[in-house]
Amino acid sequence: MRKKLIAAFAAVAMVGALAACSSDDESSTASPSAVEASATESSSMAADMTITDIVASNPDFSTLLAAVQAADLGDVLAGEGPYTVFAPTNDAFAALPEGTLDTLLKPKNQDQLAAILTYHVVPAEVMAADVTSGDVTTVNGADISISVEGSDVIITDGQGNQAMVTQTDIEASNGVIHVIDAVLLPPAQ
């Protein structure tokens, strides 16, 4: 089980630098065709990068990296996959109720943190064009509910909270990453 959690979470950690590369491209003043070409090139390069390299180069996902390390999932940052990862940004973690993240990062809460992190991983590669509404089982074992409304993809977690997918189809060597704007929480036990 430990190996499965580590391998599954490796995909979550990968999202950091990939999203940063894409975000930097979007904020550029270059023409749309130059931005698209640059984003495609960045995604292609990132798909060949190791998870360690990607995570280390992305300040926008430093909270995710800290959580991976606190959950003791950081030693092995590679997994065969394929996985679909719904990766929360630093802002998503900052939106948790005050003190929640600090509590989760404590060693005594390592198992709870690992359960939350693996709740963001689906053990299959699903590109945005293939996403449909319905319940999906995560590596954690609990379901998330996905709702496709036009071009919006909304994920409802086990506690009724919602996250919006803000960036899709960041291809990685072991799956695909979709960036989300909130942290998903598994059902209360």
C-alpha atoms as a PDB file:
ATOM      1  CA  MET A   1       0.000   0.000   0.000  1.00  0.00           C
ATOM      2  CA  ARG A   2       2.843   2.380   0.882  1.00  0.00           C
ATOM      3  CA  LYS A   3       4.452   1.864  -2.551  1.00  0.00           C
ATOM      4  CA  LYS A   4       1.108   2.486  -4.245  1.00  0.00           C
ATOM      5  CA  LEU A   5       0.638   5.751  -2.316  1.00  0.00           C
ATOM      6  CA  ILE A   6       4.149   6.911  -3.128  1.00  0.00           C
ATOM      7  CA  ALA A   7       3.836   6.074  -6.809  1.00  0.00           C
ATOM      8  CA  ALA A   8       0.402   7.669  -7.030  1.00  0.00           C
ATOM      9  CA  PHE A   9       1.474  10.790  -5.294  1.00  0.00           C
ATOM     10  CA  ALA A  10       4.521  11.188  -7.442  1.00  0.00           C
ATOM     11  CA  ALA A  11       2.193  12.327 -10.175  1.00  0.00           C
ATOM     12  CA  VAL A  12       0.702  14.986  -7.910  1.00  0.00           C
ATOM     13  CA  ALA A  13       4.104  16.452  -7.189  1.00  0.00           C
ATOM     14  CA  MET A  14       4.860  16.707 -10.897  1.00  0.00           C
ATOM     15  CA  VAL A  15       2.264  19.401 -11.484  1.00  0.00           C
ATOM     16  CA  GLY A  16       4.313  22.207  -9.993  1.00  0.00           C
ATOM     17  CA  ALA A  17       6.767  23.210 -12.652  1.00  0.00           C
ATOM     18  CA  LEU A  18       4.459  22.220 -15.481  1.00  0.00           C
ATOM     19  CA  ALA A  19       1.832  24.710 -14.376  1.00  0.00           C
ATOM     20  CA  ALA A  20       4.466  27.361 -13.737  1.00  0.00           C
ATOM     21  CA  CYS A  21       5.826  26.978 -17.264  1.00  0.00           C
ATOM     22  CA  SER A  22       2.329  27.293 -18.667  1.00  0.00           C
ATOM     23  CA  SER A  23       1.392  30.238 -16.437  1.00  0.00           C
ATOM     24  CA  ASP A  24       4.526  32.136 -17.428  1.00  0.00           C
ATOM     25  CA  ASP A  25       3.672  31.606 -21.085  1.00  0.00           C
ATOM     26  CA  GLU A  26       0.124  32.882 -20.647  1.00  0.00           C
ATOM     27  CA  SER A  27       1.250  36.119 -18.996  1.00  0.00           C
ATOM     28  CA  SER A  28       3.721  36.878 -21.765  1.00  0.00           C
ATOM     29  CA  THR A  29       3.110  39.769 -24.167  1.00  0.00           C
ATOM     30  CA  ALA A  30       3.909  37.634 -27.221  1.00  0.00           C
ATOM     31  CA  SER A  31       1.374  37.015 -29.952  1.00  0.00           C
ATOM     32  CA  PRO A  32      -1.120  34.180 -29.364  1.00  0.00           C
ATOM     33  CA  SER A  33       0.637  31.893 -31.845  1.00  0.00           C
ATOM     34  CA  ALA A  34       3.984  32.434 -30.097  1.00  0.00           C
ATOM     35  CA  VAL A  35       2.376  31.725 -26.716  1.00  0.00           C
ATOM     36  CA  GLU A  36       0.758  28.530 -28.003  1.00  0.00           C
ATOM     37  CA  ALA A  37       4.053  27.357 -29.539  1.00  0.00           C
ATOM     38  CA  SER A  38       5.923  28.149 -26.326  1.00  0.00           C
ATOM     39  CA  ALA A  39       3.327  26.372 -24.167  1.00  0.00           C
ATOM     40  CA  THR A  40       3.481  23.311 -26.416  1.00  0.00           C
ATOM     41  CA  GLU A  41       7.286  23.319 -26.256  1.00  0.00           C
ATOM     42  CA  SER A  42       7.248  23.724 -22.435  1.00  0.00           C
ATOM     43  CA  SER A  43       4.739  20.916 -22.031  1.00  0.00           C
ATOM     44  CA  SER A  44       6.767  18.662 -24.316  1.00  0.00           C
ATOM     45  CA  MET A  45       9.970  19.391 -22.403  1.00  0.00           C
ATOM     46  CA  ALA A  46       8.234  18.931 -19.043  1.00  0.00           C
ATOM     47  CA  ALA A  47       6.858  15.535 -20.094  1.00  0.00           C
ATOM     48  CA  ASP A  48      10.470  14.344 -20.329  1.00  0.00           C
ATOM     49  CA  MET A  49      11.555  15.889 -17.000  1.00  0.00           C
ATOM     50  CA  THR A  50      11.766  13.945 -13.795  1.00  0.00           C
ATOM     51  CA  ILE A  51       9.308  14.769 -11.072  1.00  0.00           C
ATOM     52  CA  THR A  52      12.134  15.903  -8.833  1.00  0.00           C
ATOM     53  CA  ASP A  53      13.346  18.421 -11.435  1.00  0.00           C
ATOM     54  CA  ILE A  54       9.853  19.745 -12.078  1.00  0.00           C
ATOM     55  CA  VAL A  55       8.857  20.135  -8.432  1.00  0.00           C
ATOM     56  CA  ALA A  56      12.157  21.764  -7.511  1.00  0.00           C
ATOM     57  CA  SER A  57      11.730  24.434 -10.175  1.00  0.00           C
ATOM     58  CA  ASN A  58       8.176  25.538  -9.339  1.00  0.00           C
ATOM     59  CA  PRO A  59       7.528  28.144  -6.633  1.00  0.00           C
ATOM     60  CA  ASP A  60       3.748  28.174  -7.301  1.00  0.00           C
ATOM     61  CA  PHE A  61       3.456  24.644  -5.924  1.00  0.00           C
ATOM     62  CA  SER A  62       5.804  24.936  -2.968  1.00  0.00           C
ATOM     63  CA  THR A  63       2.956  24.148  -0.558  1.00  0.00           C
ATOM     64  CA  LEU A  64       2.138  20.984  -2.476  1.00  0.00           C
ATOM     65  CA  LEU A  65       5.796  19.975  -2.326  1.00  0.00           C
ATOM     66  CA  ALA A  66       5.928  20.673   1.426  1.00  0.00           C
ATOM     67  CA  ALA A  67       2.816  18.529   1.886  1.00  0.00           C
ATOM     68  CA  VAL A  68       4.324  15.688  -0.159  1.00  0.00           C
ATOM     69  CA  GLN A  69       7.438  15.794   1.998  1.00  0.00           C
ATOM     70  CA  ALA A  70       5.468  15.986   5.266  1.00  0.00           C
ATOM     71  CA  ALA A  71       3.411  12.964   4.206  1.00  0.00           C
ATOM     72  CA  ASP A  72       6.697  11.141   3.558  1.00  0.00           C
ATOM     73  CA  LEU A  73       5.768  10.747  -0.086  1.00  0.00           C
ATOM     74  CA  GLY A  74       8.671  12.857  -1.326  1.00  0.00           C
ATOM     75  CA  ASP A  75      11.469  10.278  -1.434  1.00  0.00           C
ATOM     76  CA  VAL A  76      10.076   8.562  -4.498  1.00  0.00           C
ATOM     77  CA  LEU A  77       8.849  11.153  -6.983  1.00  0.00           C
ATOM     78  CA  ALA A  78       8.335   8.859  -9.919  1.00  0.00           C
ATOM     79  CA  GLY A  79       5.646   6.354 -10.734  1.00  0.00           C
ATOM     80  CA  GLU A  80       4.804   4.348 -13.804  1.00  0.00           C
ATOM     81  CA  GLY A  81       1.208   5.559 -13.958  1.00  0.00           C
ATOM     82  CA  PRO A  82      -0.698   6.458 -15.860  1.00  0.00           C
ATOM     83  CA  TYR A  83      -2.393   8.887 -13.500  1.00  0.00           C
ATOM     84  CA  THR A  84      -4.675  11.869 -13.721  1.00  0.00           C
ATOM     85  CA  VAL A  85      -3.750  14.399 -11.081  1.00  0.00           C
ATOM     86  CA  PHE A  86      -5.962  17.234  -9.857  1.00  0.00           C
ATOM     87  CA  ALA A  87      -3.296  19.526  -8.424  1.00  0.00           C
ATOM     88  CA  PRO A  88      -4.118  22.400  -6.052  1.00  0.00           C
ATOM     89  CA  THR A  89      -2.061  25.580  -6.230  1.00  0.00           C
ATOM     90  CA  ASN A  90      -0.481  27.436  -3.299  1.00  0.00           C
ATOM     91  CA  ASP A  91      -3.543  29.726  -3.342  1.00  0.00           C
ATOM     92  CA  ALA A  92      -5.802  26.680  -3.021  1.00  0.00           C
ATOM     93  CA  PHE A  93      -3.932  25.557   0.091  1.00  0.00           C
ATOM     94  CA  ALA A  94      -4.004  29.125   1.462  1.00  0.00           C
ATOM     95  CA  ALA A  95      -7.801  29.108   1.182  1.00  0.00           C
ATOM     96  CA  LEU A  96      -8.117  26.269   3.713  1.00  0.00           C
ATOM     97  CA  PRO A  97      -9.449  27.385   7.100  1.00  0.00           C
ATOM     98  CA  GLU A  98      -6.781  29.051   9.226  1.00  0.00           C
ATOM     99  CA  GLY A  99      -4.509  26.547  10.937  1.00  0.00           C
ATOM    100  CA  THR A 100      -5.653  23.558   8.858  1.00  0.00           C
ATOM    101  CA  LEU A 101      -2.505  23.275   6.773  1.00  0.00           C
ATOM    102  CA  ASP A 102      -0.215  23.758   9.784  1.00  0.00           C
ATOM    103  CA  THR A 103      -2.070  20.981  11.585  1.00  0.00           C
ATOM    104  CA  LEU A 104      -1.886  18.628   8.600  1.00  0.00           C
ATOM    105  CA  LEU A 105       1.857  19.200   8.195  1.00  0.00           C
ATOM    106  CA  LYS A 106       2.592  17.937  11.731  1.00  0.00           C
ATOM    107  CA  PRO A 107       4.213  14.479  11.861  1.00  0.00           C
ATOM    108  CA  LYS A 108       1.371  13.027  13.936  1.00  0.00           C
ATOM    109  CA  ASN A 109      -1.035  13.782  11.027  1.00  0.00           C
ATOM    110  CA  GLN A 110       1.078  12.153   8.315  1.00  0.00           C
ATOM    111  CA  ASP A 111      -1.518   9.476   7.468  1.00  0.00           C
ATOM    112  CA  GLN A 112      -4.342  12.003   7.236  1.00  0.00           C
ATOM    113  CA  LEU A 113      -2.253  14.224   4.947  1.00  0.00           C
ATOM    114  CA  ALA A 114      -1.351  11.253   2.721  1.00  0.00           C
ATOM    115  CA  ALA A 115      -5.056  10.376   2.481  1.00  0.00           C
ATOM    116  CA  ILE A 116      -5.879  13.916   1.365  1.00  0.00           C
ATOM    117  CA  LEU A 117      -3.054  14.059  -1.159  1.00  0.00           C
ATOM    118  CA  THR A 118      -3.888  10.700  -2.758  1.00  0.00           C
ATOM    119  CA  TYR A 119      -7.526  11.859  -2.988  1.00  0.00           C
ATOM    120  CA  HIS A 120      -6.278  14.163  -5.789  1.00  0.00           C
ATOM    121  CA  VAL A 121      -5.065  11.255  -7.958  1.00  0.00           C
ATOM    122  CA  VAL A 122      -7.047   9.003 -10.309  1.00  0.00           C
ATOM    123  CA  PRO A 123      -5.304   5.780 -11.410  1.00  0.00           C
ATOM    124  CA  ALA A 124      -5.821   6.350 -15.169  1.00  0.00           C
ATOM    125  CA  GLU A 125      -4.920   8.993 -17.726  1.00  0.00           C
ATOM    126  CA  VAL A 126      -7.944  11.120 -18.647  1.00  0.00           C
ATOM    127  CA  MET A 127      -7.481  14.045 -21.008  1.00  0.00           C
ATOM    128  CA  ALA A 128      -9.897  16.992 -20.768  1.00  0.00           C
ATOM    129  CA  ALA A 129     -11.679  16.025 -23.995  1.00  0.00           C
ATOM    130  CA  ASP A 130     -12.518  12.638 -22.439  1.00  0.00           C
ATOM    131  CA  VAL A 131     -13.880  13.924 -19.121  1.00  0.00           C
ATOM    132  CA  THR A 132     -17.556  13.214 -18.497  1.00  0.00           C
ATOM    133  CA  SER A 133     -19.823  13.903 -15.548  1.00  0.00           C
ATOM    134  CA  GLY A 134     -19.977  11.218 -12.881  1.00  0.00           C
ATOM    135  CA  ASP A 135     -18.278   9.718  -9.856  1.00  0.00           C
ATOM    136  CA  VAL A 136     -14.631   8.695 -10.111  1.00  0.00           C
ATOM    137  CA  THR A 137     -12.667   6.578  -7.636  1.00  0.00           C
ATOM    138  CA  THR A 138      -9.348   8.078  -6.542  1.00  0.00           C
ATOM    139  CA  VAL A 139      -6.158   6.309  -5.457  1.00  0.00           C
ATOM    140  CA  ASN A 140      -7.315   7.091  -1.908  1.00  0.00           C
ATOM    141  CA  GLY A 141     -10.255   4.731  -2.514  1.00  0.00           C
ATOM    142  CA  ALA A 142     -12.938   7.386  -2.072  1.00  0.00           C
ATOM    143  CA  ASP A 143     -14.912   8.943  -4.921  1.00  0.00           C
ATOM    144  CA  ILE A 144     -14.937  12.483  -6.262  1.00  0.00           C
ATOM    145  CA  SER A 145     -17.866  13.750  -8.297  1.00  0.00           C
ATOM    146  CA  ILE A 146     -17.074  15.416 -11.605  1.00  0.00           C
ATOM    147  CA  SER A 147     -19.535  17.736 -13.310  1.00  0.00           C
ATOM    148  CA  VAL A 148     -18.953  19.030 -16.829  1.00  0.00           C
ATOM    149  CA  GLU A 149     -20.901  22.237 -17.475  1.00  0.00           C
ATOM    150  CA  GLY A 150     -20.026  23.585 -20.906  1.00  0.00           C
ATOM    151  CA  SER A 151     -16.288  24.218 -20.837  1.00  0.00           C
ATOM    152  CA  ASP A 152     -16.185  24.197 -17.021  1.00  0.00           C
ATOM    153  CA  VAL A 153     -15.192  21.128 -15.049  1.00  0.00           C
ATOM    154  CA  ILE A 154     -16.228  21.197 -11.398  1.00  0.00           C
ATOM    155  CA  ILE A 155     -15.126  18.602  -8.869  1.00  0.00           C
ATOM    156  CA  THR A 156     -17.138  18.028  -5.713  1.00  0.00           C
ATOM    157  CA  ASP A 157     -15.229  16.339  -2.923  1.00  0.00           C
ATOM    158  CA  GLY A 158     -16.406  13.977  -0.215  1.00  0.00           C
ATOM    159  CA  GLN A 159     -17.413  16.859   2.046  1.00  0.00           C
ATOM    160  CA  GLY A 160     -19.446  18.783  -0.527  1.00  0.00           C
ATOM    161  CA  ASN A 161     -16.746  21.366  -1.323  1.00  0.00           C
ATOM    162  CA  GLN A 162     -16.136  22.282  -4.949  1.00  0.00           C
ATOM    163  CA  ALA A 163     -13.007  22.915  -6.981  1.00  0.00           C
ATOM    164  CA  MET A 164     -12.835  24.307 -10.490  1.00  0.00           C
ATOM    165  CA  VAL A 165     -10.334  22.958 -12.991  1.00  0.00           C
ATOM    166  CA  THR A 166      -8.343  26.018 -14.067  1.00  0.00           C
ATOM    167  CA  GLN A 167      -5.836  24.420 -16.434  1.00  0.00           C
ATOM    168  CA  THR A 168      -6.041  21.121 -18.282  1.00  0.00           C
ATOM    169  CA  ASP A 169      -3.992  18.567 -20.155  1.00  0.00           C
ATOM    170  CA  ILE A 170      -0.516  19.169 -18.820  1.00  0.00           C
ATOM    171  CA  GLU A 171       1.088  16.018 -20.095  1.00  0.00           C
ATOM    172  CA  ALA A 172       3.703  14.320 -17.969  1.00  0.00           C
ATOM    173  CA  SER A 173       5.789  11.202 -18.409  1.00  0.00           C
ATOM    174  CA  ASN A 174       3.393   9.211 -16.231  1.00  0.00           C
ATOM    175  CA  GLY A 175       0.002  10.777 -16.928  1.00  0.00           C
ATOM    176  CA  VAL A 176      -1.816  14.058 -17.180  1.00  0.00           C
ATOM    177  CA  ILE A 177      -2.305  16.952 -14.786  1.00  0.00           C
ATOM    178  CA  HIS A 178      -5.295  19.239 -14.353  1.00  0.00           C
ATOM    179  CA  VAL A 179      -4.759  22.233 -12.046  1.00  0.00           C
ATOM    180  CA  ILE A 180      -7.538  23.040  -9.559  1.00  0.00           C
ATOM    181  CA  ASP A 181      -8.370  26.062  -7.414  1.00  0.00           C
ATOM    182  CA  ALA A 182      -9.218  24.267  -4.147  1.00  0.00           C
ATOM    183  CA  VAL A 183      -7.967  21.389  -2.031  1.00  0.00           C
ATOM    184  CA  LEU A 184     -10.171  18.294  -2.222  1.00  0.00           C
ATOM    185  CA  LEU A 185     -11.081  16.615   1.058  1.00  0.00           C
ATOM    186  CA  PRO A 186     -12.153  12.976   1.301  1.00  0.00           C
ATOM    187  CA  PRO A 187     -15.367  12.051   3.104  1.00  0.00           C
ATOM    188  CA  ALA A 188     -15.184  12.429   6.887  1.00  0.00           C
ATOM    189  CA  GLN A 189     -14.584   9.109   8.598  1.00  0.00           C
END
